[in-house]
Amino acid sequence: MSSKTADVVIVGGGITGLSIALHLKSLGVPRVIVLERHHVGAGQSGRAAGIVRALVNHSGVASMLLDSLRFLNHFNESYGESIAVNQAGYLLIQHAAQSEVLNEVIRNAAAAGCEARQIRVEEARELQPGLNAQSDAVCAFEPGAVHVDPMVVTQALARVAARMGVEIEPGCEVDSVVIDKQQVRGVATQSGLRQAGKVVIATAIWGKSQLEKAGVVVPVYPHRVEMAFFSVFPKSPDRLLRILSDARTLLYLRPEGRDQMFAGWREGDRIASPKDFAVVDPDHYRQTSHYASLADMQRRLATTLPFMNDGFVHRTYACVYDYTPDGMPILDAAERVQGLYFALGYSGGGFSLAPWVGSAMARFITAGVKSPEMQLLRLKRFEEGQLLSWSNAEKETGHA
């Protein structure tokens, strides 16, 4: 058993925890330790879609996502670590009856600086050959949207953070946050105490129980979701070229190499309240898609892209999101425990927000400063009735 001392201990070695660590070092924090119970990125980070786009119906959220885009686009020149950033652009397709909603989405995103515009269905079909878009659709395009390999980016952040002096401890399971007289003293692990006056919980759904042990209750719920990789038939002349989100079929897609595509459900359109969550134990659940939902996904995929009638399932997987009532994370500090911070509840959007979250949380931890955007994500918004509405579809909350 060993004891170590740090200025900040971060629990969670995924994209969020590593981004916070990197930004803390950039602000001059001398000693930062990241604890990960498995390998780096073993949780939801390695299962993310890796899509970052800013075309959402809330200027504050769009601003957060634009910060993340800038971070990824300039990562190599900023940190000397190369990552492949695929500038595919984001094609959003809505029902024709939602034309006004689409215009509102574009206006709100533009207020944050997002470059996107409504396009004719003919142009949409030029941008994505083989797309089914007729008079039943209205379309928008954000050329600056990107997709990346989420695990490669997570590992790149780990490499940069380590070079900057962050100590990353994989295989280090946390027992509890150590608190004395309402002040954080560190973290108890199975390999000893990690002493620090500030601790950050950044462990997705597992953070809920960790915080409850410290007396902090957060409205975060486990929700099992299913994804799949589909392949075009090798002789098909068409391929997926764009990041694509289709409200008509409730799917979002991105390219995976030349012949494959990632497909996931627009979960925010399928969830009306917490009763719709597919609650599971995040440590014990089926990690592949059920056949019925996979068959439904394949049928819908062929509706969006008819050339996928000849396509096939390549592989599937499932993961557990840490969902909140409005589909947005909680970034805050405990009211009654000095030095306890938390960043969780990403509802499937953690990867795309992580670069911005790292910067915002680092400033909050070091200077106690919350940006206006971060203030939107305070814990008290739920009891105050100030939930975020940022959907690209015509509904009160959720995401698309």
Protein backbone atom coordinates (compact mmCIF):
# COMPACT_ATOMS: atom_id res chain seq x y z
CA MET A 1 0.00 0.00 0.00
CA SER A 2 1.36 3.40 -0.97
CA SER A 3 0.34 6.99 -0.42
CA LYS A 4 0.82 9.80 -2.92
CA THR A 5 0.10 13.51 -2.77
CA ALA A 6 -1.29 15.74 -5.52
CA ASP A 7 -2.97 19.11 -5.94
CA VAL A 8 -5.87 17.53 -7.89
CA VAL A 9 -6.91 13.90 -8.20
CA ILE A 10 -9.19 13.01 -11.11
CA VAL A 11 -11.19 9.80 -10.89
CA GLY A 12 -11.76 8.49 -14.41
CA GLY A 13 -9.24 7.94 -17.19
CA GLY A 14 -11.56 8.58 -20.10
CA ILE A 15 -11.74 11.50 -22.51
CA THR A 16 -13.30 13.81 -19.90
CA GLY A 17 -10.86 13.12 -17.09
CA LEU A 18 -7.85 13.37 -19.39
CA SER A 19 -9.09 16.63 -20.92
CA ILE A 20 -9.51 18.14 -17.46
CA ALA A 21 -6.02 16.96 -16.49
CA LEU A 22 -4.42 18.38 -19.62
CA HIS A 23 -6.09 21.76 -19.13
CA LEU A 24 -5.17 21.86 -15.44
CA LYS A 25 -1.51 21.42 -16.39
CA SER A 26 -1.89 24.14 -19.03
CA LEU A 27 -3.03 26.46 -16.22
CA GLY A 28 0.05 25.61 -14.18
CA VAL A 29 -1.28 23.12 -11.62
CA PRO A 30 1.88 21.30 -10.46
CA ARG A 31 0.64 17.85 -9.42
CA VAL A 32 -2.28 16.12 -11.15
CA ILE A 33 -3.10 12.42 -10.81
CA VAL A 34 -5.62 10.55 -12.97
CA LEU A 35 -6.97 7.26 -11.60
CA GLU A 36 -8.48 4.67 -13.95
CA ARG A 37 -9.71 1.30 -12.71
CA HIS A 38 -9.06 -0.40 -16.05
CA HIS A 39 -7.12 0.81 -19.10
CA VAL A 40 -7.32 4.38 -20.42
CA GLY A 41 -10.57 4.85 -22.35
CA ALA A 42 -12.06 1.55 -21.12
CA GLY A 43 -15.43 3.11 -20.32
CA GLN A 44 -17.61 5.02 -22.76
CA SER A 45 -14.76 6.93 -24.42
CA GLY A 46 -13.72 3.97 -26.56
CA ARG A 47 -17.35 3.33 -27.51
CA ALA A 48 -18.20 6.86 -28.65
CA ALA A 49 -19.15 7.74 -32.22
CA GLY A 50 -16.37 10.33 -32.41
CA ILE A 51 -18.59 12.97 -34.07
CA VAL A 52 -18.22 16.67 -33.30
CA ARG A 53 -20.63 19.17 -34.85
CA ALA A 54 -22.15 22.43 -33.64
CA LEU A 55 -25.49 22.56 -35.47
CA VAL A 56 -27.77 22.37 -32.43
CA ASN A 57 -30.75 24.42 -31.33
CA HIS A 58 -29.06 26.35 -28.51
CA SER A 59 -26.38 28.99 -28.97
CA GLY A 60 -24.70 28.16 -25.65
CA VAL A 61 -24.39 24.47 -26.47
CA ALA A 62 -23.24 25.33 -30.00
CA SER A 63 -20.52 27.52 -28.48
CA MET A 64 -19.29 24.61 -26.35
CA LEU A 65 -19.14 22.33 -29.38
CA LEU A 66 -17.32 24.92 -31.48
CA ASP A 67 -14.64 25.07 -28.78
CA SER A 68 -14.27 21.31 -29.04
CA LEU A 69 -14.00 21.54 -32.83
CA ARG A 70 -11.25 24.14 -32.57
CA PHE A 71 -9.39 21.98 -30.05
CA LEU A 72 -9.39 18.95 -32.35
CA ASN A 73 -8.58 20.92 -35.49
CA HIS A 74 -5.54 22.53 -33.84
CA PHE A 75 -4.48 19.59 -31.68
CA ASN A 76 -1.35 18.74 -33.67
CA GLU A 77 0.03 22.27 -33.77
CA SER A 78 -0.89 22.88 -30.11
CA TYR A 79 0.47 19.66 -28.62
CA GLY A 80 2.64 17.99 -31.28
CA GLU A 81 0.57 14.83 -31.37
CA SER A 82 -1.03 13.94 -34.68
CA ILE A 83 -4.63 12.74 -34.87
CA ALA A 84 -6.70 12.13 -38.00
CA VAL A 85 -9.55 14.64 -38.13
CA ASN A 86 -11.97 13.77 -40.92
CA GLN A 87 -13.70 16.89 -42.29
CA ALA A 88 -16.79 15.16 -43.61
CA GLY A 89 -19.38 17.83 -42.81
CA TYR A 90 -22.75 17.25 -41.11
CA LEU A 91 -25.91 16.71 -43.12
CA LEU A 92 -29.10 17.13 -41.06
CA ILE A 93 -32.39 15.89 -42.53
CA GLN A 94 -35.76 16.80 -41.04
CA HIS A 95 -39.37 16.18 -41.92
CA ALA A 96 -40.62 18.80 -44.39
CA ALA A 97 -43.14 20.00 -41.80
CA GLN A 98 -40.23 21.03 -39.55
CA SER A 99 -38.85 23.66 -41.88
CA GLU A 100 -39.33 26.42 -39.30
CA VAL A 101 -37.65 24.34 -36.61
CA LEU A 102 -34.70 23.78 -38.94
CA ASN A 103 -34.40 27.52 -39.57
CA GLU A 104 -34.43 28.12 -35.82
CA VAL A 105 -31.67 25.55 -35.32
CA ILE A 106 -29.53 27.26 -37.95
CA ARG A 107 -30.14 30.72 -36.41
CA ASN A 108 -29.26 29.58 -32.88
CA ALA A 109 -26.13 27.77 -34.01
CA ALA A 110 -25.10 30.75 -36.15
CA ALA A 111 -25.37 33.03 -33.10
CA ALA A 112 -22.43 31.06 -31.66
CA GLY A 113 -20.45 31.22 -34.90
CA CYS A 114 -21.43 27.91 -36.48
CA GLU A 115 -21.38 28.03 -40.28
CA ALA A 116 -24.38 26.08 -41.52
CA ARG A 117 -27.15 26.69 -44.02
CA GLN A 118 -30.35 25.18 -45.29
CA ILE A 119 -29.85 23.42 -48.61
CA ARG A 120 -32.13 22.05 -51.30
CA VAL A 121 -32.73 18.32 -51.38
CA GLU A 122 -30.98 18.24 -54.75
CA GLU A 123 -27.82 19.60 -53.14
CA ALA A 124 -28.17 17.13 -50.28
CA ARG A 125 -28.20 14.29 -52.79
CA GLU A 126 -25.08 15.75 -54.43
CA LEU A 127 -23.34 15.90 -51.05
CA GLN A 128 -24.40 12.34 -50.28
CA PRO A 129 -24.98 10.27 -53.44
CA GLY A 130 -27.68 7.66 -53.03
CA LEU A 131 -29.52 9.62 -50.33
CA ASN A 132 -33.29 9.27 -50.16
CA ALA A 133 -34.42 12.90 -49.90
CA GLN A 134 -37.55 13.99 -51.71
CA SER A 135 -40.34 16.46 -50.98
CA ASP A 136 -40.77 14.87 -47.53
CA ALA A 137 -37.49 16.38 -46.34
CA VAL A 138 -35.76 19.65 -45.50
CA CYS A 139 -31.99 19.66 -45.12
CA ALA A 140 -29.15 21.64 -43.58
CA PHE A 141 -25.40 21.27 -43.95
CA GLU A 142 -22.55 22.18 -41.59
CA PRO A 143 -19.31 21.85 -43.57
CA GLY A 144 -17.01 22.16 -40.55
CA ALA A 145 -18.27 19.07 -38.68
CA VAL A 146 -15.72 16.28 -38.16
CA HIS A 147 -15.40 12.71 -37.03
CA VAL A 148 -12.39 11.06 -35.42
CA ASP A 149 -11.43 7.70 -33.96
CA PRO A 150 -12.48 8.23 -30.32
CA MET A 151 -9.97 5.82 -28.81
CA VAL A 152 -7.07 7.27 -30.79
CA VAL A 153 -7.96 10.76 -29.56
CA THR A 154 -8.32 9.52 -25.97
CA GLN A 155 -4.89 7.89 -26.16
CA ALA A 156 -3.41 11.02 -27.71
CA LEU A 157 -4.72 13.10 -24.82
CA ALA A 158 -3.19 10.60 -22.40
CA ARG A 159 0.19 10.87 -24.13
CA VAL A 160 0.14 14.66 -24.08
CA ALA A 161 -1.03 14.82 -20.47
CA ALA A 162 1.73 12.41 -19.40
CA ARG A 163 4.36 14.51 -21.20
CA MET A 164 3.05 17.56 -19.35
CA GLY A 165 3.57 15.79 -16.05
CA VAL A 166 0.19 14.24 -15.30
CA GLU A 167 0.54 10.92 -13.47
CA ILE A 168 -1.91 8.42 -14.96
CA GLU A 169 -2.58 5.28 -12.95
CA PRO A 170 -4.39 2.53 -14.87
CA GLY A 171 -5.61 -0.50 -12.95
CA CYS A 172 -6.27 1.65 -9.89
CA GLU A 173 -9.73 1.08 -8.47
CA VAL A 174 -11.19 3.79 -6.23
CA ASP A 175 -12.98 2.85 -3.03
CA SER A 176 -14.20 6.26 -1.90
CA VAL A 177 -13.49 9.96 -1.63
CA VAL A 178 -11.90 10.72 1.73
CA ILE A 179 -13.64 13.61 3.49
CA ASP A 180 -12.79 15.13 6.86
CA LYS A 181 -14.85 17.96 8.39
CA GLN A 182 -16.53 18.71 5.06
CA GLN A 183 -13.19 19.03 3.29
CA VAL A 184 -11.84 16.61 0.68
CA ARG A 185 -8.61 14.96 1.81
CA GLY A 186 -8.06 12.63 -1.11
CA VAL A 187 -9.15 9.32 -2.57
CA ALA A 188 -8.92 5.87 -1.01
CA THR A 189 -7.89 3.23 -3.55
CA GLN A 190 -7.10 -0.45 -3.31
CA SER A 191 -3.42 0.44 -3.65
CA GLY A 192 -3.38 3.21 -1.04
CA LEU A 193 -4.37 6.82 -0.40
CA ARG A 194 -4.06 9.53 -3.02
CA GLN A 195 -3.99 12.73 -0.98
CA ALA A 196 -5.35 15.95 -2.49
CA GLY A 197 -7.42 18.93 -1.45
CA LYS A 198 -9.38 18.73 -4.70
CA VAL A 199 -10.98 15.66 -6.28
CA VAL A 200 -12.86 15.46 -9.58
CA ILE A 201 -15.35 12.66 -10.28
CA ALA A 202 -15.37 12.06 -14.05
CA THR A 203 -16.53 8.44 -14.29
CA ALA A 204 -19.79 8.67 -16.29
CA ILE A 205 -22.57 6.50 -14.82
CA TRP A 206 -20.27 5.08 -12.14
CA GLY A 207 -19.88 8.60 -10.75
CA LYS A 208 -23.46 8.59 -9.46
CA SER A 209 -22.75 6.03 -6.74
CA GLN A 210 -19.33 7.53 -5.99
CA LEU A 211 -20.96 10.89 -5.35
CA GLU A 212 -23.77 9.37 -3.28
CA LYS A 213 -21.14 7.99 -0.89
CA ALA A 214 -20.04 11.61 -0.41
CA GLY A 215 -23.62 12.80 0.14
CA VAL A 216 -24.17 14.29 -3.32
CA VAL A 217 -27.27 13.18 -5.25
CA VAL A 218 -27.32 13.72 -9.00
CA PRO A 219 -30.19 12.93 -11.42
CA VAL A 220 -28.11 10.64 -13.62
CA TYR A 221 -29.55 7.36 -14.91
CA PRO A 222 -28.02 4.39 -16.75
CA HIS A 223 -29.45 3.91 -20.24
CA ARG A 224 -28.35 1.05 -22.49
CA VAL A 225 -27.98 1.96 -26.17
CA GLU A 226 -27.14 -0.10 -29.24
CA MET A 227 -24.94 0.71 -32.21
CA ALA A 228 -23.74 -1.15 -35.29
CA PHE A 229 -21.24 -0.98 -38.10
CA PHE A 230 -22.69 -1.75 -41.52
CA SER A 231 -20.79 -2.45 -44.70
CA VAL A 232 -21.79 -1.68 -48.26
CA PHE A 233 -21.66 -4.60 -50.67
CA PRO A 234 -18.15 -4.38 -52.18
CA LYS A 235 -19.41 -3.79 -55.74
CA SER A 236 -21.74 -0.95 -54.73
CA PRO A 237 -20.84 2.35 -56.42
CA ASP A 238 -22.09 4.36 -53.41
CA ARG A 239 -20.48 5.02 -50.04
CA LEU A 240 -21.38 7.11 -47.00
CA LEU A 241 -19.40 10.34 -47.38
CA ARG A 242 -20.94 12.61 -44.71
CA ILE A 243 -21.89 12.61 -41.06
CA LEU A 244 -25.62 12.25 -41.43
CA SER A 245 -28.55 12.61 -39.02
CA ASP A 246 -32.04 11.72 -40.24
CA ALA A 247 -35.05 12.66 -38.11
CA ARG A 248 -37.29 10.64 -40.43
CA THR A 249 -35.61 7.34 -39.51
CA LEU A 250 -34.20 8.37 -36.07
CA LEU A 251 -30.67 7.36 -37.09
CA TYR A 252 -27.33 9.12 -37.18
CA LEU A 253 -24.39 7.87 -39.25
CA ARG A 254 -20.75 8.50 -39.97
CA PRO A 255 -18.21 6.91 -42.33
CA GLU A 256 -15.93 4.18 -41.00
CA GLY A 257 -13.12 3.76 -43.48
CA ARG A 258 -14.11 3.33 -47.13
CA ASP A 259 -16.72 0.58 -47.08
CA GLN A 260 -18.27 0.77 -43.62
CA MET A 261 -20.45 3.14 -41.65
CA PHE A 262 -21.29 3.59 -37.99
CA ALA A 263 -25.01 3.76 -37.18
CA GLY A 264 -26.65 4.81 -33.94
CA TRP A 265 -30.09 5.80 -32.72
CA ARG A 266 -31.03 9.44 -32.17
CA GLU A 267 -31.72 8.60 -28.54
CA GLY A 268 -33.05 12.04 -27.66
CA ASP A 269 -35.93 11.54 -30.09
CA ARG A 270 -36.78 8.18 -28.54
CA ILE A 271 -36.80 9.30 -24.90
CA ALA A 272 -39.68 11.34 -23.52
CA SER A 273 -38.96 10.85 -19.79
CA PRO A 274 -36.81 8.73 -17.42
CA LYS A 275 -39.36 5.92 -17.71
CA ASP A 276 -38.04 5.35 -21.25
CA PHE A 277 -34.50 4.61 -20.06
CA ALA A 278 -33.25 1.06 -20.62
CA VAL A 279 -31.81 0.72 -17.13
CA VAL A 280 -29.05 -1.87 -16.65
CA ASP A 281 -26.11 -2.58 -14.39
CA PRO A 282 -23.21 -0.86 -16.22
CA ASP A 283 -20.83 -3.60 -15.11
CA HIS A 284 -23.08 -6.48 -16.23
CA TYR A 285 -25.11 -6.04 -19.41
CA ARG A 286 -25.38 -7.46 -22.92
CA GLN A 287 -22.73 -5.71 -24.99
CA THR A 288 -24.10 -6.53 -28.44
CA SER A 289 -27.32 -5.45 -30.15
CA HIS A 290 -30.51 -7.46 -29.87
CA TYR A 291 -31.61 -8.89 -33.21
CA ALA A 292 -35.02 -7.15 -33.31
CA SER A 293 -33.60 -3.67 -32.82
CA LEU A 294 -30.73 -4.41 -35.20
CA ALA A 295 -33.16 -5.54 -37.91
CA ASP A 296 -35.18 -2.37 -37.34
CA MET A 297 -32.03 -0.26 -37.62
CA GLN A 298 -31.03 -2.01 -40.85
CA ARG A 299 -34.48 -1.41 -42.35
CA ARG A 300 -34.38 2.27 -41.42
CA LEU A 301 -30.84 2.61 -42.72
CA ALA A 302 -31.97 1.33 -46.12
CA THR A 303 -34.75 3.93 -46.05
CA THR A 304 -32.22 6.75 -45.63
CA LEU A 305 -29.66 5.19 -47.98
CA PRO A 306 -31.44 2.79 -50.38
CA PHE A 307 -28.12 1.39 -51.62
CA MET A 308 -27.81 -0.24 -48.17
CA ASN A 309 -30.54 -2.70 -49.17
CA ASP A 310 -27.56 -4.68 -50.44
CA GLY A 311 -25.44 -3.90 -47.39
CA PHE A 312 -24.85 -6.08 -44.36
CA VAL A 313 -24.11 -5.94 -40.63
CA HIS A 314 -20.39 -5.98 -39.95
CA ARG A 315 -20.46 -5.92 -36.16
CA THR A 316 -22.54 -4.52 -33.29
CA TYR A 317 -22.04 -3.30 -29.76
CA ALA A 318 -23.89 -1.69 -26.88
CA CYS A 319 -22.88 0.71 -24.12
CA VAL A 320 -24.41 2.46 -21.14
CA TYR A 321 -24.97 6.22 -21.28
CA ASP A 322 -25.12 8.35 -18.15
CA TYR A 323 -28.37 10.13 -18.96
CA THR A 324 -29.87 13.25 -17.35
CA PRO A 325 -33.44 14.57 -17.70
CA ASP A 326 -32.41 17.11 -20.35
CA GLY A 327 -29.70 15.11 -22.10
CA MET A 328 -26.92 17.49 -21.00
CA PRO A 329 -24.13 16.96 -18.46
CA ILE A 330 -23.76 18.24 -14.92
CA LEU A 331 -20.59 20.24 -14.25
CA ASP A 332 -20.40 21.51 -10.71
CA ALA A 333 -18.95 21.28 -7.20
CA ALA A 334 -20.50 19.88 -4.04
CA GLU A 335 -22.17 22.50 -1.87
CA ARG A 336 -21.35 20.86 1.46
CA VAL A 337 -17.96 19.30 0.70
CA GLN A 338 -15.12 21.68 -0.06
CA GLY A 339 -12.94 20.52 -2.94
CA LEU A 340 -15.28 17.93 -4.48
CA TYR A 341 -16.00 18.51 -8.20
CA PHE A 342 -17.90 16.43 -10.73
CA ALA A 343 -18.44 16.21 -14.48
CA LEU A 344 -20.90 13.53 -15.58
CA GLY A 345 -24.32 12.93 -17.15
CA TYR A 346 -23.25 13.31 -20.77
CA SER A 347 -26.20 11.36 -22.19
CA GLY A 348 -24.15 10.16 -25.14
CA GLY A 349 -22.54 13.52 -25.95
CA GLY A 350 -19.48 13.28 -23.71
CA PHE A 351 -16.87 12.83 -26.41
CA SER A 352 -17.97 15.86 -28.43
CA LEU A 353 -18.07 18.10 -25.35
CA ALA A 354 -14.94 16.80 -23.61
CA PRO A 355 -12.39 19.33 -24.94
CA TRP A 356 -14.61 22.23 -23.88
CA VAL A 357 -15.44 20.54 -20.57
CA GLY A 358 -11.75 20.12 -19.79
CA SER A 359 -11.08 23.82 -20.28
CA ALA A 360 -14.19 24.98 -18.40
CA MET A 361 -13.67 22.62 -15.45
CA ALA A 362 -9.97 23.49 -15.18
CA ARG A 363 -10.79 27.21 -14.87
CA PHE A 364 -13.49 26.44 -12.33
CA ILE A 365 -11.21 24.23 -10.23
CA THR A 366 -8.27 26.65 -10.24
CA ALA A 367 -10.04 30.01 -10.06
CA GLY A 368 -13.62 29.25 -9.04
CA VAL A 369 -14.84 30.84 -12.26
CA LYS A 370 -17.83 29.47 -14.15
CA SER A 371 -18.32 30.63 -17.70
CA PRO A 372 -21.91 31.54 -18.72
CA GLU A 373 -22.06 28.27 -20.69
CA MET A 374 -20.88 26.24 -17.72
CA GLN A 375 -23.44 27.95 -15.51
CA LEU A 376 -26.12 26.42 -17.75
CA LEU A 377 -24.92 22.97 -16.63
CA ARG A 378 -25.11 23.52 -12.86
CA LEU A 379 -26.70 20.82 -10.73
CA LYS A 380 -29.41 23.10 -9.36
CA ARG A 381 -30.98 23.64 -12.79
CA PHE A 382 -33.09 20.53 -12.27
CA GLU A 383 -34.72 21.69 -9.03
CA GLU A 384 -35.02 25.22 -10.45
CA GLY A 385 -36.82 23.97 -13.56
CA GLN A 386 -34.11 25.42 -15.83
CA LEU A 387 -33.56 22.36 -18.01
CA LEU A 388 -31.86 22.94 -21.34
CA SER A 389 -33.87 22.63 -24.53
CA TRP A 390 -31.49 22.13 -27.42
CA SER A 391 -33.01 19.49 -29.67
CA ASN A 392 -32.82 19.60 -33.47
CA ALA A 393 -36.31 18.10 -33.49
CA GLU A 394 -39.63 19.60 -32.42
CA LYS A 395 -39.73 18.59 -28.75
CA GLU A 396 -39.06 20.07 -25.35
CA THR A 397 -35.78 18.40 -24.37
CA GLY A 398 -33.35 15.84 -25.65
CA HIS A 399 -30.78 15.77 -28.36
CA ALA A 400 -30.43 14.72 -31.95
